[in-house]
Amino acid sequence: MAKPKRGTKELSDGDTTSPQRAAKEVSYGEASSRLEEILQNIEEGQVDIDALSALVKEAADLVTLCRQKIHAAEIQVQTITEQLEREAPVTTTTDEDDEDDEDDE
């Protein structure tokens, strides 16, 4: 029987860890790397058929985790951008405006 691959226990084998809880414990980079590892192992045929469903479940959980992290980051960026816009409205001239002024002289 094949030995379990490195890290296959993180979110698999009936683990009830929710993606939200895992989001606090696993970084986006770690989740992404683990997804790459799972995909590579499957593509290379290194996964025992008995372990395949657990790896697919783990991959699905990691995809959900990554999507949640991306969504959270989008919201944070939007919030920060809106806050900055409220604090100091930007009134800058573009390079084109400067060029037009020079042409008029």
C-alpha atoms as a PDB file:
ATOM      1  CA  MET A   1       0.000   0.000   0.000  1.00  0.00           C
ATOM      2  CA  ALA A   2       1.292   3.483  -0.874  1.00  0.00           C
ATOM      3  CA  LYS A   3       2.513   5.753   1.877  1.00  0.00           C
ATOM      4  CA  PRO A   4       0.483   8.938   2.395  1.00  0.00           C
ATOM      5  CA  LYS A   5       2.023  11.923   0.705  1.00  0.00           C
ATOM      6  CA  ARG A   6       3.453  14.801   2.717  1.00  0.00           C
ATOM      7  CA  GLY A   7       0.736  17.023   4.141  1.00  0.00           C
ATOM      8  CA  THR A   8      -2.252  14.960   3.057  1.00  0.00           C
ATOM      9  CA  LYS A   9      -3.692  15.022   6.570  1.00  0.00           C
ATOM     10  CA  GLU A  10      -4.018  18.824   6.705  1.00  0.00           C
ATOM     11  CA  LEU A  11      -7.645  19.043   5.543  1.00  0.00           C
ATOM     12  CA  SER A  12      -8.540  15.475   4.653  1.00  0.00           C
ATOM     13  CA  ASP A  13      -9.539  12.102   6.100  1.00  0.00           C
ATOM     14  CA  GLY A  14     -12.802  13.282   7.620  1.00  0.00           C
ATOM     15  CA  ASP A  15     -11.277  16.347   9.222  1.00  0.00           C
ATOM     16  CA  THR A  16     -14.073  18.679  10.224  1.00  0.00           C
ATOM     17  CA  THR A  17     -11.890  21.766   9.910  1.00  0.00           C
ATOM     18  CA  SER A  18     -13.989  24.396   8.200  1.00  0.00           C
ATOM     19  CA  PRO A  19     -12.420  26.519   5.464  1.00  0.00           C
ATOM     20  CA  GLN A  20     -12.967  29.600   7.662  1.00  0.00           C
ATOM     21  CA  ARG A  21     -11.038  28.077  10.566  1.00  0.00           C
ATOM     22  CA  ALA A  22      -8.350  26.844   8.189  1.00  0.00           C
ATOM     23  CA  ALA A  23      -8.073  30.342   6.723  1.00  0.00           C
ATOM     24  CA  LYS A  24      -6.636  31.520  10.035  1.00  0.00           C
ATOM     25  CA  GLU A  25      -4.139  28.669  10.159  1.00  0.00           C
ATOM     26  CA  VAL A  26      -3.056  28.298   6.525  1.00  0.00           C
ATOM     27  CA  SER A  27      -1.769  31.175   4.431  1.00  0.00           C
ATOM     28  CA  TYR A  28      -2.831  31.703   0.839  1.00  0.00           C
ATOM     29  CA  GLY A  29       0.679  30.801  -0.296  1.00  0.00           C
ATOM     30  CA  GLU A  30       0.665  27.569   1.681  1.00  0.00           C
ATOM     31  CA  ALA A  31      -2.754  26.603   0.347  1.00  0.00           C
ATOM     32  CA  SER A  32      -1.719  27.411  -3.207  1.00  0.00           C
ATOM     33  CA  SER A  33       1.492  25.395  -2.876  1.00  0.00           C
ATOM     34  CA  ARG A  34      -0.405  22.443  -1.461  1.00  0.00           C
ATOM     35  CA  LEU A  35      -2.878  22.597  -4.353  1.00  0.00           C
ATOM     36  CA  GLU A  36       0.042  22.542  -6.802  1.00  0.00           C
ATOM     37  CA  GLU A  37       1.508  19.545  -4.985  1.00  0.00           C
ATOM     38  CA  ILE A  38      -1.790  17.639  -5.057  1.00  0.00           C
ATOM     39  CA  LEU A  39      -2.280  18.372  -8.746  1.00  0.00           C
ATOM     40  CA  GLN A  40       1.253  17.323  -9.603  1.00  0.00           C
ATOM     41  CA  ASN A  41       0.911  14.056  -7.658  1.00  0.00           C
ATOM     42  CA  ILE A  42      -2.386  13.251  -9.382  1.00  0.00           C
ATOM     43  CA  GLU A  43      -1.044  14.123 -12.838  1.00  0.00           C
ATOM     44  CA  GLU A  44       2.052  11.992 -12.300  1.00  0.00           C
ATOM     45  CA  GLY A  45      -0.043   9.050 -11.128  1.00  0.00           C
ATOM     46  CA  GLN A  46       1.567   9.069  -7.685  1.00  0.00           C
ATOM     47  CA  VAL A  47      -1.762   8.849  -5.852  1.00  0.00           C
ATOM     48  CA  ASP A  48      -3.188   5.543  -4.768  1.00  0.00           C
ATOM     49  CA  ILE A  49      -6.799   5.219  -5.881  1.00  0.00           C
ATOM     50  CA  ASP A  50      -7.842   4.744  -2.247  1.00  0.00           C
ATOM     51  CA  ALA A  51      -6.342   8.136  -1.344  1.00  0.00           C
ATOM     52  CA  LEU A  52      -7.684   9.959  -4.400  1.00  0.00           C
ATOM     53  CA  SER A  53     -11.053  10.960  -2.944  1.00  0.00           C
ATOM     54  CA  ALA A  54      -9.413  12.345   0.203  1.00  0.00           C
ATOM     55  CA  LEU A  55      -7.006  14.411  -1.914  1.00  0.00           C
ATOM     56  CA  VAL A  56      -9.825  15.708  -4.090  1.00  0.00           C
ATOM     57  CA  LYS A  57     -11.719  16.727  -0.933  1.00  0.00           C
ATOM     58  CA  GLU A  58      -8.604  18.433   0.441  1.00  0.00           C
ATOM     59  CA  ALA A  59      -8.096  20.243  -2.864  1.00  0.00           C
ATOM     60  CA  ALA A  60     -11.725  21.415  -2.866  1.00  0.00           C
ATOM     61  CA  ASP A  61     -11.320  22.730   0.689  1.00  0.00           C
ATOM     62  CA  LEU A  62      -8.121  24.530  -0.304  1.00  0.00           C
ATOM     63  CA  VAL A  63      -9.804  26.097  -3.350  1.00  0.00           C
ATOM     64  CA  THR A  64     -12.613  27.339  -1.088  1.00  0.00           C
ATOM     65  CA  LEU A  65     -10.031  28.702   1.348  1.00  0.00           C
ATOM     66  CA  CYS A  66      -8.160  30.523  -1.435  1.00  0.00           C
ATOM     67  CA  ARG A  67     -11.387  32.027  -2.795  1.00  0.00           C
ATOM     68  CA  GLN A  68     -12.320  33.256   0.682  1.00  0.00           C
ATOM     69  CA  LYS A  69      -8.893  34.836   1.144  1.00  0.00           C
ATOM     70  CA  ILE A  70      -9.087  36.536  -2.261  1.00  0.00           C
ATOM     71  CA  HIS A  71     -12.572  37.847  -1.490  1.00  0.00           C
ATOM     72  CA  ALA A  72     -11.453  39.118   1.928  1.00  0.00           C
ATOM     73  CA  ALA A  73      -8.459  40.862   0.362  1.00  0.00           C
ATOM     74  CA  GLU A  74     -10.685  42.495  -2.291  1.00  0.00           C
ATOM     75  CA  ILE A  75     -12.984  43.838   0.427  1.00  0.00           C
ATOM     76  CA  GLN A  76     -10.039  45.163   2.448  1.00  0.00           C
ATOM     77  CA  VAL A  77      -8.544  46.908  -0.574  1.00  0.00           C
ATOM     78  CA  GLN A  78     -11.918  48.414  -1.485  1.00  0.00           C
ATOM     79  CA  THR A  79     -12.477  49.606   2.095  1.00  0.00           C
ATOM     80  CA  ILE A  80      -9.026  51.178   2.302  1.00  0.00           C
ATOM     81  CA  THR A  81      -9.422  52.828  -1.102  1.00  0.00           C
ATOM     82  CA  GLU A  82     -12.818  54.269  -0.162  1.00  0.00           C
ATOM     83  CA  GLN A  83     -11.417  55.532   3.147  1.00  0.00           C
ATOM     84  CA  LEU A  84      -8.530  57.244   1.394  1.00  0.00           C
ATOM     85  CA  GLU A  85     -10.899  58.848  -1.114  1.00  0.00           C
ATOM     86  CA  ARG A  86     -13.051  60.237   1.724  1.00  0.00           C
ATOM     87  CA  GLU A  87     -10.056  61.584   3.632  1.00  0.00           C
ATOM     88  CA  ALA A  88      -8.396  63.483   0.809  1.00  0.00           C
ATOM     89  CA  PRO A  89     -10.130  63.920  -2.527  1.00  0.00           C
ATOM     90  CA  VAL A  90      -7.513  63.809  -5.218  1.00  0.00           C
ATOM     91  CA  THR A  91      -7.503  66.621  -7.774  1.00  0.00           C
ATOM     92  CA  THR A  92      -4.468  66.065  -9.914  1.00  0.00           C
ATOM     93  CA  THR A  93      -3.818  67.053 -13.469  1.00  0.00           C
ATOM     94  CA  THR A  94      -2.721  64.458 -15.930  1.00  0.00           C
ATOM     95  CA  ASP A  95       0.295  64.702 -18.168  1.00  0.00           C
ATOM     96  CA  GLU A  96      -2.063  65.243 -21.111  1.00  0.00           C
ATOM     97  CA  ASP A  97      -3.548  68.334 -19.441  1.00  0.00           C
ATOM     98  CA  ASP A  98      -0.041  69.735 -18.940  1.00  0.00           C
ATOM     99  CA  GLU A  99       0.829  69.083 -22.562  1.00  0.00           C
ATOM    100  CA  ASP A 100      -2.348  70.775 -23.770  1.00  0.00           C
ATOM    101  CA  ASP A 101      -1.528  73.858 -21.722  1.00  0.00           C
ATOM    102  CA  GLU A 102       1.941  74.046 -23.290  1.00  0.00           C
ATOM    103  CA  ASP A 103       0.474  73.753 -26.791  1.00  0.00           C
ATOM    104  CA  ASP A 104      -1.863  76.690 -26.128  1.00  0.00           C
ATOM    105  CA  GLU A 105       0.988  79.047 -25.204  1.00  0.00           C
END
